[in-house]
């Protein structure tokens, strides 16, 4: 029900924008987020944005990544700049229904590889 896209191979210092679109059956979403999972590690939060537009970021991406949302399209984005090899991971989008305290929906993951 969530479709993530935009991953790929990029050189260090480059940029990518990930997108996540919720299917039409999902009507009202609250907080939207991005997670990533490094090989052999647990998934970790990257950023999230509430339904009022408040954002929060992991320290490792502050100043480089920006999360945004388009409520009319039920879509959110992760703009990633100044990418580093240590950003290489599978990125997952997630979303909560309004009022939910946990993520109710998860995307399938999109691979971001930062390498020269």
C-alpha atoms as a PDB file:
ATOM      1  CA  UNK A   1       0.000   0.000   0.000  1.00  0.00           C
ATOM      2  CA  UNK A   2       3.082   2.211   0.189  1.00  0.00           C
ATOM      3  CA  UNK A   3       5.298   2.440  -2.851  1.00  0.00           C
ATOM      4  CA  UNK A   4       8.810   3.762  -2.355  1.00  0.00           C
ATOM      5  CA  UNK A   5      10.958   4.854  -5.262  1.00  0.00           C
ATOM      6  CA  UNK A   6      14.003   6.939  -6.121  1.00  0.00           C
ATOM      7  CA  UNK A   7      16.859   4.826  -4.853  1.00  0.00           C
ATOM      8  CA  UNK A   8      19.939   4.108  -6.889  1.00  0.00           C
ATOM      9  CA  UNK A   9      23.678   4.495  -7.190  1.00  0.00           C
ATOM     10  CA  UNK A  10      25.189   7.897  -6.536  1.00  0.00           C
ATOM     11  CA  UNK A  11      28.716   9.158  -5.992  1.00  0.00           C
ATOM     12  CA  UNK A  12      29.795  10.607  -2.663  1.00  0.00           C
ATOM     13  CA  UNK A  13      28.655  14.187  -2.393  1.00  0.00           C
ATOM     14  CA  UNK A  14      25.749  13.565  -4.721  1.00  0.00           C
ATOM     15  CA  UNK A  15      22.020  13.848  -4.191  1.00  0.00           C
ATOM     16  CA  UNK A  16      18.937  11.678  -4.456  1.00  0.00           C
ATOM     17  CA  UNK A  17      15.273  12.176  -3.730  1.00  0.00           C
ATOM     18  CA  UNK A  18      13.186   9.318  -2.467  1.00  0.00           C
ATOM     19  CA  UNK A  19       9.432   9.299  -2.833  1.00  0.00           C
ATOM     20  CA  UNK A  20       6.744   7.313  -1.091  1.00  0.00           C
ATOM     21  CA  UNK A  21       3.200   7.187  -2.331  1.00  0.00           C
ATOM     22  CA  UNK A  22       0.274   5.752  -0.411  1.00  0.00           C
ATOM     23  CA  UNK A  23      -2.350   3.873  -2.354  1.00  0.00           C
ATOM     24  CA  UNK A  24      -5.803   5.281  -2.820  1.00  0.00           C
ATOM     25  CA  UNK A  25      -7.304   2.993  -0.194  1.00  0.00           C
ATOM     26  CA  UNK A  26      -5.342   4.833   2.499  1.00  0.00           C
ATOM     27  CA  UNK A  27      -7.245   8.020   3.110  1.00  0.00           C
ATOM     28  CA  UNK A  28      -5.878   9.898   6.095  1.00  0.00           C
ATOM     29  CA  UNK A  29      -2.303   9.724   7.211  1.00  0.00           C
ATOM     30  CA  UNK A  30      -0.669  11.298  10.210  1.00  0.00           C
ATOM     31  CA  UNK A  31       3.045  11.053  10.767  1.00  0.00           C
ATOM     32  CA  UNK A  32       5.108   9.903   7.808  1.00  0.00           C
ATOM     33  CA  UNK A  33       8.632   8.694   8.110  1.00  0.00           C
ATOM     34  CA  UNK A  34      11.730   7.232   6.576  1.00  0.00           C
ATOM     35  CA  UNK A  35      13.850   4.472   8.042  1.00  0.00           C
ATOM     36  CA  UNK A  36      16.962   2.773   6.775  1.00  0.00           C
ATOM     37  CA  UNK A  37      18.600  -0.542   7.338  1.00  0.00           C
ATOM     38  CA  UNK A  38      22.289  -1.178   6.928  1.00  0.00           C
ATOM     39  CA  UNK A  39      23.446  -4.645   5.985  1.00  0.00           C
ATOM     40  CA  UNK A  40      23.313  -6.862   9.040  1.00  0.00           C
ATOM     41  CA  UNK A  41      21.848  -4.137  11.239  1.00  0.00           C
ATOM     42  CA  UNK A  42      18.465  -3.247  12.632  1.00  0.00           C
ATOM     43  CA  UNK A  43      16.288  -0.699  10.952  1.00  0.00           C
ATOM     44  CA  UNK A  44      16.797   2.834  12.256  1.00  0.00           C
ATOM     45  CA  UNK A  45      14.831   6.025  11.940  1.00  0.00           C
ATOM     46  CA  UNK A  46      16.060   8.647   9.507  1.00  0.00           C
ATOM     47  CA  UNK A  47      13.380  11.310   9.703  1.00  0.00           C
ATOM     48  CA  UNK A  48       9.709  11.850  10.248  1.00  0.00           C
ATOM     49  CA  UNK A  49       7.166  14.554   9.617  1.00  0.00           C
ATOM     50  CA  UNK A  50       3.882  14.988  11.449  1.00  0.00           C
ATOM     51  CA  UNK A  51       0.555  15.931   9.938  1.00  0.00           C
ATOM     52  CA  UNK A  52       1.207  19.506  11.107  1.00  0.00           C
ATOM     53  CA  UNK A  53       4.565  19.611   9.354  1.00  0.00           C
ATOM     54  CA  UNK A  54       6.856  19.238  12.334  1.00  0.00           C
ATOM     55  CA  UNK A  55      10.013  17.365  11.435  1.00  0.00           C
ATOM     56  CA  UNK A  56      12.661  15.415  13.266  1.00  0.00           C
ATOM     57  CA  UNK A  57      15.908  13.928  12.012  1.00  0.00           C
ATOM     58  CA  UNK A  58      18.535  11.472  13.098  1.00  0.00           C
ATOM     59  CA  UNK A  59      21.711  13.303  14.086  1.00  0.00           C
ATOM     60  CA  UNK A  60      23.640  11.574  11.312  1.00  0.00           C
ATOM     61  CA  UNK A  61      21.523  13.208   8.584  1.00  0.00           C
ATOM     62  CA  UNK A  62      20.744  16.625  10.042  1.00  0.00           C
ATOM     63  CA  UNK A  63      21.617  19.389   7.631  1.00  0.00           C
ATOM     64  CA  UNK A  64      21.871  16.974   4.710  1.00  0.00           C
ATOM     65  CA  UNK A  65      18.452  15.311   4.442  1.00  0.00           C
ATOM     66  CA  UNK A  66      15.047  16.977   4.230  1.00  0.00           C
ATOM     67  CA  UNK A  67      11.699  15.283   4.662  1.00  0.00           C
ATOM     68  CA  UNK A  68       8.601  16.821   3.137  1.00  0.00           C
ATOM     69  CA  UNK A  69       5.059  15.810   2.319  1.00  0.00           C
ATOM     70  CA  UNK A  70       2.329  16.553  -0.174  1.00  0.00           C
ATOM     71  CA  UNK A  71      -0.948  15.808   1.556  1.00  0.00           C
ATOM     72  CA  UNK A  72      -3.000  16.251  -1.583  1.00  0.00           C
ATOM     73  CA  UNK A  73      -1.063  13.429  -3.194  1.00  0.00           C
ATOM     74  CA  UNK A  74      -0.622  11.333  -0.039  1.00  0.00           C
ATOM     75  CA  UNK A  75       3.051  11.332  -0.886  1.00  0.00           C
ATOM     76  CA  UNK A  76       6.163  12.198   1.037  1.00  0.00           C
ATOM     77  CA  UNK A  77       9.770  12.671   0.100  1.00  0.00           C
ATOM     78  CA  UNK A  78      13.279  12.426   1.440  1.00  0.00           C
ATOM     79  CA  UNK A  79      15.720  14.764  -0.261  1.00  0.00           C
ATOM     80  CA  UNK A  80      19.239  13.606   0.417  1.00  0.00           C
ATOM     81  CA  UNK A  81      22.212  15.855  -0.253  1.00  0.00           C
ATOM     82  CA  UNK A  82      25.927  15.479   0.305  1.00  0.00           C
ATOM     83  CA  UNK A  83      25.535  11.722   0.438  1.00  0.00           C
ATOM     84  CA  UNK A  84      28.252   9.672   2.070  1.00  0.00           C
ATOM     85  CA  UNK A  85      29.243   6.034   1.644  1.00  0.00           C
ATOM     86  CA  UNK A  86      27.916   5.392   5.148  1.00  0.00           C
ATOM     87  CA  UNK A  87      24.432   6.384   3.941  1.00  0.00           C
ATOM     88  CA  UNK A  88      24.358   3.223   1.844  1.00  0.00           C
ATOM     89  CA  UNK A  89      21.345   1.259   3.018  1.00  0.00           C
ATOM     90  CA  UNK A  90      17.877   0.101   2.126  1.00  0.00           C
ATOM     91  CA  UNK A  91      15.470   2.949   2.821  1.00  0.00           C
ATOM     92  CA  UNK A  92      11.917   2.266   3.925  1.00  0.00           C
ATOM     93  CA  UNK A  93       9.007   4.628   4.114  1.00  0.00           C
ATOM     94  CA  UNK A  94       6.362   4.290   6.778  1.00  0.00           C
ATOM     95  CA  UNK A  95       3.176   6.002   7.782  1.00  0.00           C
ATOM     96  CA  UNK A  96       0.762   6.178  10.643  1.00  0.00           C
ATOM     97  CA  UNK A  97      -2.958   6.665  10.499  1.00  0.00           C
ATOM     98  CA  UNK A  98      -4.084   9.827  12.239  1.00  0.00           C
ATOM     99  CA  UNK A  99      -4.127   9.212  15.971  1.00  0.00           C
ATOM    100  CA  UNK A 100      -2.028   6.062  15.762  1.00  0.00           C
ATOM    101  CA  UNK A 101       1.008   5.716  18.008  1.00  0.00           C
ATOM    102  CA  UNK A 102       2.818   3.253  15.790  1.00  0.00           C
ATOM    103  CA  UNK A 103       3.597   2.931  12.120  1.00  0.00           C
ATOM    104  CA  UNK A 104       0.700   1.151  10.448  1.00  0.00           C
ATOM    105  CA  UNK A 105       2.058   0.944   6.920  1.00  0.00           C
ATOM    106  CA  UNK A 106       5.481   0.169   5.489  1.00  0.00           C
ATOM    107  CA  UNK A 107       6.886   0.421   2.007  1.00  0.00           C
ATOM    108  CA  UNK A 108       8.926  -2.278   0.337  1.00  0.00           C
ATOM    109  CA  UNK A 109      12.303  -0.539   0.613  1.00  0.00           C
ATOM    110  CA  UNK A 110      14.516   1.098  -1.948  1.00  0.00           C
ATOM    111  CA  UNK A 111      18.274   0.638  -2.093  1.00  0.00           C
ATOM    112  CA  UNK A 112      20.553   3.652  -1.940  1.00  0.00           C
ATOM    113  CA  UNK A 113      24.193   2.994  -2.750  1.00  0.00           C
ATOM    114  CA  UNK A 114      26.764   5.738  -2.317  1.00  0.00           C
ATOM    115  CA  UNK A 115      29.994   4.769  -3.982  1.00  0.00           C
ATOM    116  CA  UNK A 116      32.597   6.090  -6.373  1.00  0.00           C
END
